[in-house]
Amino acid sequence: MVSAPFQANTRESIRLVQTGLKGLGHDPGPLDGIWGKRTEGAMRAMLATAGKPVLADAVTDLPWMAEGKRFLGRHEIRDNSLLRKWLKSDGKTLGDPMKLPWCGDFVETCIRLALPGESFPGALGQNPYWARNWLRLGAEIAPCYGAVVVFERGSGGHVGFAVGEDATTLHVLGGNQSNAVTIARIAKSRLLGARWPATFPRPLSIRLPQMTAGGAVSTNEA
């Protein structure tokens, strides 16, 4: 099923995926925006290298977004064992999500599993669990689908992935949002910055899907 952000121009999105695969050393064939056997094979190879099974969404979504969406709805208490196992599957973890703020752990796990060659410079490498350190990832970018977005939260912060927007909020895929992996609405006024991974091509168009402004706006993502 084609994910909403790519419905408007599927060929452009496939070309973006092909370019990313080539950059990671997997040959997708011509960068023509057509999903053929060579592109599918390159995607399978990339996922195998990352130690993950082939995902149904992987052919139409950014790899780190497909990874995160697998855990939508998982709760830090009800699904504690599953979340703890996944959060340490990248080789490191903050600890028990039921006891610790784990939004940074969620983003780190998605990025490390999907983009194993991505660099975590400076303070981000030392402590990827502190949300504001994600302002050091890759390159600065305007908020767009899949961008890492960092928000202020008192003296601390919150981090997740941009999914869409309405007039006043960003819709964010993240962990530790109402104690689970959810898509939450967070005020644009709280945004500190957006970043794009260095090892994946920047999107050809900077835009966010327009979403319905429904549901409460998150003010405390714990």
N, C-alpha and C. Protein backbone atom coordinates (compact mmCIF):
# COMPACT_ATOMS: atom_id res chain seq x y z
N MET A 1 0.85 -1.18 0.00
CA MET A 1 0.00 0.00 0.00
C MET A 1 0.89 1.24 0.00
N VAL A 2 0.61 2.20 -0.87
CA VAL A 2 1.40 3.41 -0.96
C VAL A 2 1.09 4.31 0.22
N SER A 3 2.13 4.75 0.93
CA SER A 3 1.95 5.62 2.08
C SER A 3 1.48 7.00 1.62
N ALA A 4 0.70 7.66 2.45
CA ALA A 4 0.09 8.94 2.07
C ALA A 4 1.06 9.97 1.52
N PRO A 5 2.27 10.14 2.10
CA PRO A 5 3.16 11.18 1.60
C PRO A 5 3.63 10.97 0.18
N PHE A 6 3.48 9.75 -0.35
CA PHE A 6 3.98 9.47 -1.67
C PHE A 6 2.88 9.27 -2.71
N GLN A 7 1.63 9.45 -2.32
CA GLN A 7 0.55 9.22 -3.25
C GLN A 7 0.56 10.23 -4.40
N ALA A 8 1.00 11.46 -4.12
CA ALA A 8 0.93 12.50 -5.14
C ALA A 8 1.92 12.25 -6.28
N ASN A 9 3.06 11.66 -6.00
CA ASN A 9 4.06 11.44 -7.03
C ASN A 9 4.85 10.20 -6.69
N THR A 10 4.29 9.04 -6.99
CA THR A 10 4.92 7.78 -6.63
C THR A 10 6.23 7.60 -7.37
N ARG A 11 6.31 8.00 -8.62
CA ARG A 11 7.53 7.81 -9.40
C ARG A 11 8.69 8.60 -8.78
N GLU A 12 8.41 9.82 -8.34
CA GLU A 12 9.44 10.63 -7.70
C GLU A 12 9.93 9.97 -6.42
N SER A 13 9.00 9.41 -5.65
CA SER A 13 9.39 8.78 -4.38
C SER A 13 10.24 7.54 -4.63
N ILE A 14 9.89 6.76 -5.66
CA ILE A 14 10.67 5.56 -5.97
C ILE A 14 12.08 5.95 -6.43
N ARG A 15 12.18 7.02 -7.22
CA ARG A 15 13.50 7.49 -7.65
C ARG A 15 14.34 7.89 -6.43
N LEU A 16 13.71 8.51 -5.44
CA LEU A 16 14.41 8.89 -4.22
C LEU A 16 14.92 7.64 -3.49
N VAL A 17 14.08 6.61 -3.40
CA VAL A 17 14.50 5.37 -2.77
C VAL A 17 15.65 4.73 -3.55
N GLN A 18 15.55 4.72 -4.89
CA GLN A 18 16.61 4.15 -5.71
C GLN A 18 17.93 4.87 -5.48
N THR A 19 17.88 6.20 -5.41
CA THR A 19 19.10 6.98 -5.18
C THR A 19 19.71 6.64 -3.83
N GLY A 20 18.85 6.48 -2.82
CA GLY A 20 19.34 6.12 -1.50
C GLY A 20 19.98 4.74 -1.48
N LEU A 21 19.36 3.78 -2.18
CA LEU A 21 19.92 2.43 -2.26
C LEU A 21 21.30 2.45 -2.91
N LYS A 22 21.41 3.21 -3.99
CA LYS A 22 22.70 3.30 -4.69
C LYS A 22 23.75 3.91 -3.78
N GLY A 23 23.36 4.94 -3.03
CA GLY A 23 24.29 5.59 -2.12
C GLY A 23 24.77 4.67 -1.01
N LEU A 24 23.95 3.68 -0.66
CA LEU A 24 24.32 2.71 0.38
C LEU A 24 25.04 1.51 -0.20
N GLY A 25 25.32 1.53 -1.52
CA GLY A 25 26.10 0.45 -2.14
C GLY A 25 25.29 -0.68 -2.70
N HIS A 26 23.97 -0.51 -2.84
CA HIS A 26 23.11 -1.55 -3.41
C HIS A 26 22.61 -1.08 -4.77
N ASP A 27 22.80 -1.89 -5.81
CA ASP A 27 22.50 -1.48 -7.18
C ASP A 27 21.03 -1.67 -7.52
N PRO A 28 20.26 -0.55 -7.67
CA PRO A 28 18.84 -0.67 -8.01
C PRO A 28 18.58 -0.61 -9.51
N GLY A 29 19.66 -0.55 -10.31
CA GLY A 29 19.49 -0.36 -11.74
C GLY A 29 19.33 1.12 -12.06
N PRO A 30 18.72 1.46 -13.20
CA PRO A 30 18.55 2.86 -13.58
C PRO A 30 17.72 3.62 -12.54
N LEU A 31 18.08 4.87 -12.30
CA LEU A 31 17.34 5.71 -11.35
C LEU A 31 16.17 6.34 -12.10
N ASP A 32 15.20 5.47 -12.45
CA ASP A 32 14.12 5.87 -13.35
C ASP A 32 12.77 6.00 -12.69
N GLY A 33 12.70 5.76 -11.39
CA GLY A 33 11.41 5.87 -10.70
C GLY A 33 10.46 4.73 -10.96
N ILE A 34 10.96 3.64 -11.53
CA ILE A 34 10.14 2.46 -11.82
C ILE A 34 10.57 1.32 -10.90
N TRP A 35 9.61 0.74 -10.18
CA TRP A 35 9.92 -0.34 -9.24
C TRP A 35 9.98 -1.67 -9.99
N GLY A 36 11.21 -2.08 -10.31
CA GLY A 36 11.41 -3.33 -11.02
C GLY A 36 12.15 -4.34 -10.17
N LYS A 37 12.55 -5.45 -10.80
CA LYS A 37 13.19 -6.54 -10.06
C LYS A 37 14.52 -6.11 -9.46
N ARG A 38 15.29 -5.28 -10.19
CA ARG A 38 16.60 -4.88 -9.66
C ARG A 38 16.45 -3.97 -8.44
N THR A 39 15.47 -3.08 -8.50
CA THR A 39 15.23 -2.21 -7.35
C THR A 39 14.75 -3.01 -6.16
N GLU A 40 13.84 -3.94 -6.42
CA GLU A 40 13.34 -4.79 -5.33
C GLU A 40 14.49 -5.60 -4.72
N GLY A 41 15.36 -6.13 -5.59
CA GLY A 41 16.50 -6.90 -5.09
C GLY A 41 17.44 -6.06 -4.25
N ALA A 42 17.66 -4.81 -4.69
CA ALA A 42 18.53 -3.91 -3.92
C ALA A 42 17.93 -3.60 -2.56
N MET A 43 16.61 -3.41 -2.52
CA MET A 43 15.94 -3.15 -1.25
C MET A 43 16.06 -4.35 -0.32
N ARG A 44 15.86 -5.55 -0.87
CA ARG A 44 15.98 -6.76 -0.06
C ARG A 44 17.40 -6.89 0.50
N ALA A 45 18.39 -6.58 -0.34
CA ALA A 45 19.78 -6.67 0.10
C ALA A 45 20.07 -5.66 1.20
N MET A 46 19.54 -4.44 1.04
CA MET A 46 19.77 -3.42 2.06
C MET A 46 19.16 -3.83 3.39
N LEU A 47 17.93 -4.35 3.35
CA LEU A 47 17.26 -4.77 4.57
C LEU A 47 17.97 -5.96 5.21
N ALA A 48 18.47 -6.87 4.38
CA ALA A 48 19.21 -8.01 4.91
C ALA A 48 20.49 -7.55 5.60
N THR A 49 21.16 -6.58 5.00
CA THR A 49 22.38 -6.04 5.60
C THR A 49 22.11 -5.41 6.94
N ALA A 50 20.95 -4.76 7.04
CA ALA A 50 20.57 -4.12 8.30
C ALA A 50 20.04 -5.13 9.30
N GLY A 51 19.97 -6.39 8.90
CA GLY A 51 19.51 -7.43 9.81
C GLY A 51 18.03 -7.46 10.04
N LYS A 52 17.25 -6.91 9.09
CA LYS A 52 15.81 -6.86 9.25
C LYS A 52 15.11 -7.66 8.16
N PRO A 53 13.93 -8.21 8.44
CA PRO A 53 13.15 -8.87 7.41
C PRO A 53 12.60 -7.86 6.42
N VAL A 54 12.20 -8.31 5.25
CA VAL A 54 11.60 -7.43 4.27
C VAL A 54 10.26 -6.94 4.80
N LEU A 55 10.05 -5.63 4.74
CA LEU A 55 8.84 -5.02 5.27
C LEU A 55 7.90 -4.64 4.14
N ALA A 56 6.61 -4.81 4.35
CA ALA A 56 5.64 -4.50 3.30
C ALA A 56 5.69 -3.05 2.88
N ASP A 57 5.95 -2.14 3.83
CA ASP A 57 5.96 -0.72 3.53
C ASP A 57 7.27 -0.23 2.94
N ALA A 58 8.32 -1.07 2.98
CA ALA A 58 9.65 -0.59 2.67
C ALA A 58 9.77 -0.06 1.26
N VAL A 59 8.98 -0.60 0.32
CA VAL A 59 9.13 -0.18 -1.07
C VAL A 59 8.52 1.19 -1.32
N THR A 60 7.72 1.69 -0.42
CA THR A 60 7.05 2.96 -0.64
C THR A 60 7.32 3.97 0.46
N ASP A 61 8.18 3.65 1.40
CA ASP A 61 8.42 4.54 2.52
C ASP A 61 9.92 4.67 2.76
N LEU A 62 10.30 5.72 3.46
CA LEU A 62 11.68 5.87 3.89
C LEU A 62 12.01 4.74 4.86
N PRO A 63 13.20 4.16 4.79
CA PRO A 63 13.48 2.96 5.59
C PRO A 63 13.34 3.17 7.08
N TRP A 64 13.73 4.35 7.61
CA TRP A 64 13.61 4.57 9.05
C TRP A 64 12.16 4.81 9.46
N MET A 65 11.34 5.32 8.53
CA MET A 65 9.93 5.50 8.83
C MET A 65 9.20 4.16 8.83
N ALA A 66 9.55 3.31 7.87
CA ALA A 66 8.95 1.97 7.83
C ALA A 66 9.29 1.21 9.11
N GLU A 67 10.53 1.38 9.59
CA GLU A 67 10.94 0.71 10.83
C GLU A 67 10.12 1.20 12.01
N GLY A 68 9.98 2.51 12.15
CA GLY A 68 9.24 3.05 13.28
C GLY A 68 7.77 2.71 13.26
N LYS A 69 7.18 2.70 12.05
CA LYS A 69 5.75 2.41 11.94
C LYS A 69 5.40 0.98 12.33
N ARG A 70 6.38 0.09 12.29
CA ARG A 70 6.11 -1.29 12.72
C ARG A 70 5.66 -1.34 14.17
N PHE A 71 6.00 -0.30 14.95
CA PHE A 71 5.72 -0.34 16.38
C PHE A 71 4.63 0.63 16.80
N LEU A 72 3.91 1.19 15.83
CA LEU A 72 2.81 2.08 16.16
C LEU A 72 1.83 1.40 17.11
N GLY A 73 1.48 2.10 18.17
CA GLY A 73 0.53 1.58 19.14
C GLY A 73 1.15 0.78 20.26
N ARG A 74 2.42 0.46 20.15
CA ARG A 74 3.07 -0.33 21.21
C ARG A 74 3.27 0.55 22.44
N HIS A 75 2.87 0.01 23.60
CA HIS A 75 2.84 0.77 24.85
C HIS A 75 3.96 0.31 25.78
N GLU A 76 4.54 1.28 26.50
CA GLU A 76 5.70 0.97 27.33
C GLU A 76 5.40 0.01 28.49
N ILE A 77 4.15 -0.11 28.87
CA ILE A 77 3.78 -1.07 29.93
C ILE A 77 3.24 -2.35 29.32
N ARG A 78 2.21 -2.24 28.51
CA ARG A 78 1.58 -3.43 27.92
C ARG A 78 2.55 -4.22 27.05
N ASP A 79 3.39 -3.50 26.29
CA ASP A 79 4.32 -4.15 25.35
C ASP A 79 5.77 -3.96 25.79
N ASN A 80 5.99 -3.94 27.09
CA ASN A 80 7.30 -3.60 27.62
C ASN A 80 8.40 -4.54 27.13
N SER A 81 8.15 -5.82 27.17
CA SER A 81 9.17 -6.79 26.77
C SER A 81 9.54 -6.63 25.30
N LEU A 82 8.53 -6.47 24.44
CA LEU A 82 8.77 -6.30 23.01
C LEU A 82 9.55 -5.02 22.74
N LEU A 83 9.14 -3.91 23.37
CA LEU A 83 9.83 -2.65 23.15
C LEU A 83 11.26 -2.70 23.65
N ARG A 84 11.50 -3.29 24.81
CA ARG A 84 12.85 -3.36 25.35
C ARG A 84 13.75 -4.17 24.42
N LYS A 85 13.24 -5.26 23.88
CA LYS A 85 14.03 -6.09 22.97
C LYS A 85 14.38 -5.31 21.70
N TRP A 86 13.39 -4.58 21.16
CA TRP A 86 13.64 -3.82 19.93
C TRP A 86 14.58 -2.65 20.18
N LEU A 87 14.40 -1.94 21.28
CA LEU A 87 15.21 -0.76 21.56
C LEU A 87 16.69 -1.09 21.75
N LYS A 88 17.00 -2.33 22.10
CA LYS A 88 18.41 -2.71 22.23
C LYS A 88 18.90 -3.52 21.03
N SER A 89 18.04 -3.68 20.01
CA SER A 89 18.42 -4.49 18.85
C SER A 89 19.47 -3.81 17.98
N ASP A 90 19.68 -2.50 18.19
CA ASP A 90 20.73 -1.78 17.44
C ASP A 90 22.07 -1.82 18.16
N GLY A 91 22.13 -2.54 19.28
CA GLY A 91 23.39 -2.71 19.99
C GLY A 91 23.55 -1.86 21.24
N LYS A 92 22.61 -0.94 21.47
CA LYS A 92 22.67 -0.12 22.67
C LYS A 92 21.28 0.37 23.01
N THR A 93 21.07 0.74 24.26
CA THR A 93 19.75 1.22 24.67
C THR A 93 19.87 2.04 25.94
N LEU A 94 18.89 2.92 26.15
CA LEU A 94 18.84 3.71 27.37
C LEU A 94 18.43 2.84 28.55
N GLY A 95 17.51 1.92 28.33
CA GLY A 95 17.02 1.06 29.40
C GLY A 95 15.52 0.86 29.32
N ASP A 96 14.91 0.57 30.43
CA ASP A 96 13.50 0.24 30.50
C ASP A 96 12.64 1.46 30.12
N PRO A 97 11.87 1.38 29.03
CA PRO A 97 11.04 2.53 28.63
C PRO A 97 9.96 2.87 29.64
N MET A 98 9.63 1.93 30.51
CA MET A 98 8.62 2.21 31.53
C MET A 98 9.16 3.14 32.62
N LYS A 99 10.50 3.22 32.72
CA LYS A 99 11.12 3.99 33.79
C LYS A 99 11.87 5.22 33.30
N LEU A 100 12.18 5.27 31.98
CA LEU A 100 13.05 6.31 31.45
C LEU A 100 12.44 6.98 30.22
N PRO A 101 12.74 8.26 29.98
CA PRO A 101 12.22 8.94 28.78
C PRO A 101 12.91 8.39 27.53
N TRP A 102 12.16 7.79 26.63
CA TRP A 102 12.76 6.99 25.57
C TRP A 102 12.52 7.52 24.16
N CYS A 103 12.15 8.80 24.00
CA CYS A 103 11.94 9.32 22.65
C CYS A 103 13.23 9.27 21.84
N GLY A 104 14.37 9.62 22.46
CA GLY A 104 15.64 9.56 21.76
C GLY A 104 16.05 8.15 21.42
N ASP A 105 15.74 7.22 22.30
CA ASP A 105 16.05 5.80 22.05
C ASP A 105 15.26 5.29 20.85
N PHE A 106 14.00 5.73 20.74
CA PHE A 106 13.17 5.33 19.59
C PHE A 106 13.78 5.82 18.29
N VAL A 107 14.15 7.11 18.23
CA VAL A 107 14.73 7.67 17.01
C VAL A 107 16.07 7.01 16.70
N GLU A 108 16.90 6.82 17.72
CA GLU A 108 18.20 6.18 17.50
C GLU A 108 18.04 4.78 16.91
N THR A 109 17.13 4.00 17.46
CA THR A 109 16.94 2.63 16.99
C THR A 109 16.48 2.62 15.54
N CYS A 110 15.53 3.48 15.20
CA CYS A 110 15.05 3.55 13.81
C CYS A 110 16.18 3.90 12.85
N ILE A 111 16.97 4.91 13.20
CA ILE A 111 18.04 5.37 12.32
C ILE A 111 19.15 4.34 12.21
N ARG A 112 19.59 3.80 13.33
CA ARG A 112 20.70 2.83 13.29
C ARG A 112 20.35 1.56 12.53
N LEU A 113 19.12 1.08 12.68
CA LEU A 113 18.72 -0.14 11.99
C LEU A 113 18.52 0.12 10.49
N ALA A 114 17.97 1.28 10.15
CA ALA A 114 17.68 1.57 8.75
C ALA A 114 18.88 2.11 7.99
N LEU A 115 19.73 2.87 8.68
CA LEU A 115 20.90 3.51 8.05
C LEU A 115 22.13 3.19 8.89
N PRO A 116 22.63 1.95 8.81
CA PRO A 116 23.74 1.55 9.69
C PRO A 116 25.02 2.34 9.49
N GLY A 117 25.17 3.04 8.37
CA GLY A 117 26.37 3.82 8.13
C GLY A 117 26.28 5.26 8.58
N GLU A 118 25.14 5.65 9.15
CA GLU A 118 24.94 7.05 9.55
C GLU A 118 25.85 7.42 10.72
N SER A 119 26.47 8.61 10.62
CA SER A 119 27.35 9.10 11.68
C SER A 119 26.54 9.83 12.75
N PHE A 120 26.94 9.62 14.00
CA PHE A 120 26.34 10.32 15.14
C PHE A 120 27.43 11.21 15.74
N PRO A 121 27.56 12.45 15.25
CA PRO A 121 28.70 13.29 15.64
C PRO A 121 28.57 13.88 17.05
N GLY A 122 29.72 14.12 17.66
CA GLY A 122 29.80 14.87 18.90
C GLY A 122 28.89 14.36 20.00
N ALA A 123 28.15 15.30 20.57
CA ALA A 123 27.28 14.98 21.71
C ALA A 123 26.21 13.96 21.34
N LEU A 124 25.80 13.91 20.07
CA LEU A 124 24.79 12.94 19.67
C LEU A 124 25.33 11.52 19.83
N GLY A 125 26.58 11.30 19.45
CA GLY A 125 27.17 9.98 19.62
C GLY A 125 27.37 9.62 21.08
N GLN A 126 27.66 10.62 21.88
CA GLN A 126 27.88 10.38 23.31
C GLN A 126 26.57 10.11 24.05
N ASN A 127 25.52 10.82 23.64
CA ASN A 127 24.23 10.66 24.32
C ASN A 127 23.08 10.91 23.36
N PRO A 128 22.68 9.88 22.58
CA PRO A 128 21.56 10.05 21.65
C PRO A 128 20.20 10.06 22.34
N TYR A 129 20.19 9.89 23.65
CA TYR A 129 18.92 9.83 24.39
C TYR A 129 18.47 11.22 24.85
N TRP A 130 19.37 12.22 24.77
CA TRP A 130 19.01 13.59 25.09
C TRP A 130 18.49 14.22 23.80
N ALA A 131 17.22 14.58 23.79
CA ALA A 131 16.53 14.95 22.55
C ALA A 131 17.24 16.07 21.78
N ARG A 132 17.72 17.08 22.48
CA ARG A 132 18.32 18.22 21.79
C ARG A 132 19.62 17.87 21.07
N ASN A 133 20.25 16.77 21.44
CA ASN A 133 21.47 16.37 20.73
C ASN A 133 21.19 15.96 19.29
N TRP A 134 19.93 15.67 18.96
CA TRP A 134 19.60 15.28 17.59
C TRP A 134 19.69 16.47 16.63
N LEU A 135 19.88 17.67 17.16
CA LEU A 135 20.12 18.83 16.30
C LEU A 135 21.49 18.76 15.64
N ARG A 136 22.30 17.75 16.01
CA ARG A 136 23.62 17.55 15.42
C ARG A 136 23.60 16.51 14.30
N LEU A 137 22.48 15.83 14.09
CA LEU A 137 22.42 14.80 13.05
C LEU A 137 22.51 15.41 11.66
N GLY A 138 23.27 14.78 10.78
CA GLY A 138 23.25 15.11 9.36
C GLY A 138 23.26 16.59 9.05
N ALA A 139 22.23 17.04 8.32
CA ALA A 139 22.16 18.43 7.85
C ALA A 139 20.82 19.05 8.23
N GLU A 140 20.84 20.36 8.40
CA GLU A 140 19.61 21.10 8.68
C GLU A 140 18.71 21.08 7.45
N ILE A 141 17.42 21.01 7.68
CA ILE A 141 16.45 20.97 6.58
C ILE A 141 15.15 21.57 7.07
N ALA A 142 14.34 22.08 6.16
CA ALA A 142 13.00 22.50 6.56
C ALA A 142 12.18 21.26 6.91
N PRO A 143 11.25 21.37 7.84
CA PRO A 143 10.44 20.19 8.19
C PRO A 143 9.80 19.57 6.95
N CYS A 144 10.02 18.28 6.76
CA CYS A 144 9.46 17.54 5.64
C CYS A 144 9.22 16.11 6.10
N TYR A 145 8.51 15.35 5.29
CA TYR A 145 8.19 13.97 5.68
C TYR A 145 9.48 13.20 5.95
N GLY A 146 9.56 12.59 7.15
CA GLY A 146 10.71 11.78 7.52
C GLY A 146 11.81 12.52 8.22
N ALA A 147 11.76 13.85 8.26
CA ALA A 147 12.80 14.62 8.93
C ALA A 147 12.76 14.37 10.44
N VAL A 148 13.93 14.36 11.04
CA VAL A 148 14.02 14.30 12.50
C VAL A 148 13.69 15.69 13.02
N VAL A 149 12.68 15.80 13.85
CA VAL A 149 12.24 17.10 14.37
C VAL A 149 12.44 17.13 15.89
N VAL A 150 13.03 18.23 16.36
CA VAL A 150 13.36 18.39 17.77
C VAL A 150 12.55 19.55 18.35
N PHE A 151 11.95 19.31 19.51
CA PHE A 151 11.08 20.30 20.15
C PHE A 151 11.59 20.63 21.54
N GLU A 152 11.32 21.86 21.96
CA GLU A 152 11.62 22.21 23.34
C GLU A 152 10.56 21.60 24.25
N ARG A 153 11.00 21.29 25.45
CA ARG A 153 10.08 20.76 26.46
C ARG A 153 10.69 21.14 27.81
N GLY A 154 10.36 22.35 28.27
CA GLY A 154 11.04 22.87 29.45
C GLY A 154 12.51 23.07 29.14
N SER A 155 13.37 22.64 30.05
CA SER A 155 14.80 22.72 29.81
C SER A 155 15.31 21.54 28.98
N GLY A 156 14.44 20.58 28.74
CA GLY A 156 14.81 19.40 27.97
C GLY A 156 14.27 19.47 26.56
N GLY A 157 13.77 18.36 26.05
CA GLY A 157 13.25 18.37 24.70
C GLY A 157 12.54 17.08 24.36
N HIS A 158 12.09 17.02 23.13
CA HIS A 158 11.43 15.83 22.59
C HIS A 158 11.85 15.70 21.14
N VAL A 159 11.97 14.46 20.65
CA VAL A 159 12.42 14.22 19.28
C VAL A 159 11.58 13.12 18.65
N GLY A 160 11.30 13.28 17.36
CA GLY A 160 10.55 12.28 16.61
C GLY A 160 10.74 12.52 15.13
N PHE A 161 9.85 11.97 14.31
CA PHE A 161 9.91 12.11 12.86
C PHE A 161 8.67 12.82 12.35
N ALA A 162 8.85 13.81 11.48
CA ALA A 162 7.71 14.53 10.92
C ALA A 162 6.92 13.64 9.96
N VAL A 163 5.62 13.67 10.11
CA VAL A 163 4.71 12.90 9.25
C VAL A 163 3.83 13.83 8.43
N GLY A 164 3.41 14.94 9.01
CA GLY A 164 2.52 15.87 8.33
C GLY A 164 2.36 17.12 9.17
N GLU A 165 1.43 17.97 8.74
CA GLU A 165 1.19 19.21 9.47
C GLU A 165 -0.24 19.68 9.28
N ASP A 166 -0.69 20.51 10.21
CA ASP A 166 -1.88 21.31 9.99
C ASP A 166 -1.48 22.76 10.23
N ALA A 167 -2.40 23.67 10.39
CA ALA A 167 -2.06 25.09 10.46
C ALA A 167 -1.13 25.43 11.61
N THR A 168 -1.28 24.77 12.74
CA THR A 168 -0.52 25.17 13.93
C THR A 168 0.38 24.09 14.51
N THR A 169 0.26 22.85 14.03
CA THR A 169 1.04 21.76 14.62
C THR A 169 1.72 20.91 13.57
N LEU A 170 2.79 20.24 14.00
CA LEU A 170 3.39 19.16 13.24
C LEU A 170 2.85 17.85 13.77
N HIS A 171 2.62 16.89 12.87
CA HIS A 171 2.20 15.56 13.27
C HIS A 171 3.46 14.69 13.28
N VAL A 172 3.73 14.09 14.44
CA VAL A 172 5.04 13.51 14.70
C VAL A 172 4.92 12.04 15.09
N LEU A 173 5.67 11.18 14.36
CA LEU A 173 5.81 9.78 14.74
C LEU A 173 6.93 9.70 15.77
N GLY A 174 6.62 9.17 16.94
CA GLY A 174 7.66 9.12 17.97
C GLY A 174 7.33 8.17 19.09
N GLY A 175 8.33 7.89 19.90
CA GLY A 175 8.16 7.09 21.10
C GLY A 175 7.98 7.98 22.31
N ASN A 176 7.51 7.39 23.40
CA ASN A 176 7.27 8.13 24.64
C ASN A 176 6.27 9.25 24.42
N GLN A 177 5.31 9.02 23.53
CA GLN A 177 4.20 9.95 23.30
C GLN A 177 2.95 9.29 23.87
N SER A 178 2.47 9.81 25.00
CA SER A 178 1.41 9.14 25.77
C SER A 178 1.85 7.73 26.13
N ASN A 179 3.15 7.59 26.45
CA ASN A 179 3.75 6.34 26.92
C ASN A 179 3.75 5.23 25.85
N ALA A 180 3.70 5.63 24.58
CA ALA A 180 3.63 4.63 23.51
C ALA A 180 4.25 5.20 22.24
N VAL A 181 4.32 4.36 21.20
CA VAL A 181 4.69 4.83 19.86
C VAL A 181 3.40 5.30 19.20
N THR A 182 3.31 6.59 18.94
CA THR A 182 2.09 7.17 18.38
C THR A 182 2.47 8.23 17.35
N ILE A 183 1.44 8.78 16.71
CA ILE A 183 1.59 10.00 15.93
C ILE A 183 0.86 11.09 16.69
N ALA A 184 1.62 12.07 17.17
CA ALA A 184 1.08 13.11 18.04
C ALA A 184 1.16 14.47 17.36
N ARG A 185 0.25 15.36 17.73
CA ARG A 185 0.28 16.75 17.25
C ARG A 185 1.07 17.59 18.25
N ILE A 186 2.11 18.26 17.74
CA ILE A 186 2.97 19.09 18.60
C ILE A 186 3.05 20.48 17.99
N ALA A 187 2.88 21.50 18.83
CA ALA A 187 2.84 22.89 18.35
C ALA A 187 4.11 23.27 17.59
N LYS A 188 3.91 23.90 16.43
CA LYS A 188 5.06 24.37 15.65
C LYS A 188 5.89 25.38 16.42
N SER A 189 5.28 26.10 17.33
CA SER A 189 6.00 27.11 18.11
C SER A 189 7.07 26.50 19.00
N ARG A 190 6.99 25.19 19.25
CA ARG A 190 7.97 24.51 20.09
C ARG A 190 9.15 23.95 19.29
N LEU A 191 9.08 24.02 17.96
CA LEU A 191 10.11 23.40 17.13
C LEU A 191 11.45 24.11 17.28
N LEU A 192 12.50 23.34 17.55
CA LEU A 192 13.86 23.86 17.63
C LEU A 192 14.62 23.68 16.32
N GLY A 193 14.26 22.66 15.55
CA GLY A 193 14.95 22.42 14.30
C GLY A 193 14.59 21.08 13.71
N ALA A 194 14.93 20.91 12.43
CA ALA A 194 14.70 19.66 11.72
C ALA A 194 16.00 19.24 11.03
N ARG A 195 16.26 17.94 11.01
CA ARG A 195 17.51 17.43 10.47
C ARG A 195 17.25 16.27 9.51
N TRP A 196 18.18 16.08 8.58
CA TRP A 196 18.08 15.01 7.58
C TRP A 196 19.35 14.16 7.64
N PRO A 197 19.24 12.82 7.62
CA PRO A 197 20.43 11.97 7.70
C PRO A 197 21.42 12.25 6.56
N ALA A 198 22.71 12.19 6.89
CA ALA A 198 23.75 12.48 5.91
C ALA A 198 23.89 11.38 4.87
N THR A 199 23.49 10.16 5.20
CA THR A 199 23.71 9.03 4.31
C THR A 199 22.52 8.70 3.42
N PHE A 200 21.51 9.56 3.43
CA PHE A 200 20.34 9.33 2.58
C PHE A 200 20.05 10.61 1.80
N PRO A 201 19.78 10.51 0.49
CA PRO A 201 19.58 11.72 -0.32
C PRO A 201 18.45 12.61 0.23
N ARG A 202 18.68 13.91 0.14
CA ARG A 202 17.64 14.84 0.56
C ARG A 202 16.44 14.74 -0.37
N PRO A 203 15.23 14.96 0.12
CA PRO A 203 14.05 14.88 -0.73
C PRO A 203 14.08 15.91 -1.85
N LEU A 204 13.49 15.55 -2.99
CA LEU A 204 13.49 16.46 -4.14
C LEU A 204 12.58 17.65 -3.90
N SER A 205 11.54 17.46 -3.12
CA SER A 205 10.64 18.57 -2.80
C SER A 205 10.44 18.62 -1.29
N ILE A 206 10.53 19.83 -0.74
CA ILE A 206 10.36 20.01 0.70
C ILE A 206 8.91 20.37 0.97
N ARG A 207 8.16 19.43 1.43
CA ARG A 207 6.77 19.70 1.75
C ARG A 207 6.30 18.68 2.77
N LEU A 208 5.29 19.04 3.50
CA LEU A 208 4.68 18.12 4.45
C LEU A 208 3.23 17.87 4.04
N PRO A 209 2.77 16.63 4.08
CA PRO A 209 1.36 16.36 3.81
C PRO A 209 0.47 17.14 4.77
N GLN A 210 -0.62 17.68 4.24
CA GLN A 210 -1.57 18.41 5.06
C GLN A 210 -2.49 17.41 5.78
N MET A 211 -2.58 17.55 7.08
CA MET A 211 -3.33 16.64 7.91
C MET A 211 -4.51 17.36 8.56
N THR A 212 -5.48 16.59 9.01
CA THR A 212 -6.62 17.15 9.71
C THR A 212 -6.23 17.53 11.13
N ALA A 213 -6.63 18.71 11.55
CA ALA A 213 -6.28 19.20 12.87
C ALA A 213 -7.24 18.63 13.91
N GLY A 214 -7.17 17.32 14.09
CA GLY A 214 -8.08 16.67 15.04
C GLY A 214 -7.32 16.12 16.22
N GLY A 215 -8.00 16.04 17.36
CA GLY A 215 -7.37 15.50 18.56
C GLY A 215 -6.61 16.58 19.32
N ALA A 216 -6.26 16.23 20.55
CA ALA A 216 -5.59 17.18 21.43
C ALA A 216 -4.16 17.43 20.98
N VAL A 217 -3.67 18.62 21.26
CA VAL A 217 -2.27 18.95 20.99
C VAL A 217 -1.44 18.50 22.18
N SER A 218 -0.37 17.77 21.91
CA SER A 218 0.49 17.27 22.98
C SER A 218 1.26 18.40 23.62
N THR A 219 1.29 18.42 24.95
CA THR A 219 2.08 19.41 25.68
C THR A 219 3.13 18.76 26.57
N ASN A 220 2.99 17.46 26.79
CA ASN A 220 3.94 16.72 27.62
C ASN A 220 4.02 15.31 27.07
N GLU A 221 5.13 15.00 26.37
CA GLU A 221 5.19 13.75 25.61
C GLU A 221 5.57 12.53 26.43
N ALA A 222 5.66 12.65 27.74
CA ALA A 222 6.03 11.50 28.56
C ALA A 222 4.92 10.45 28.55
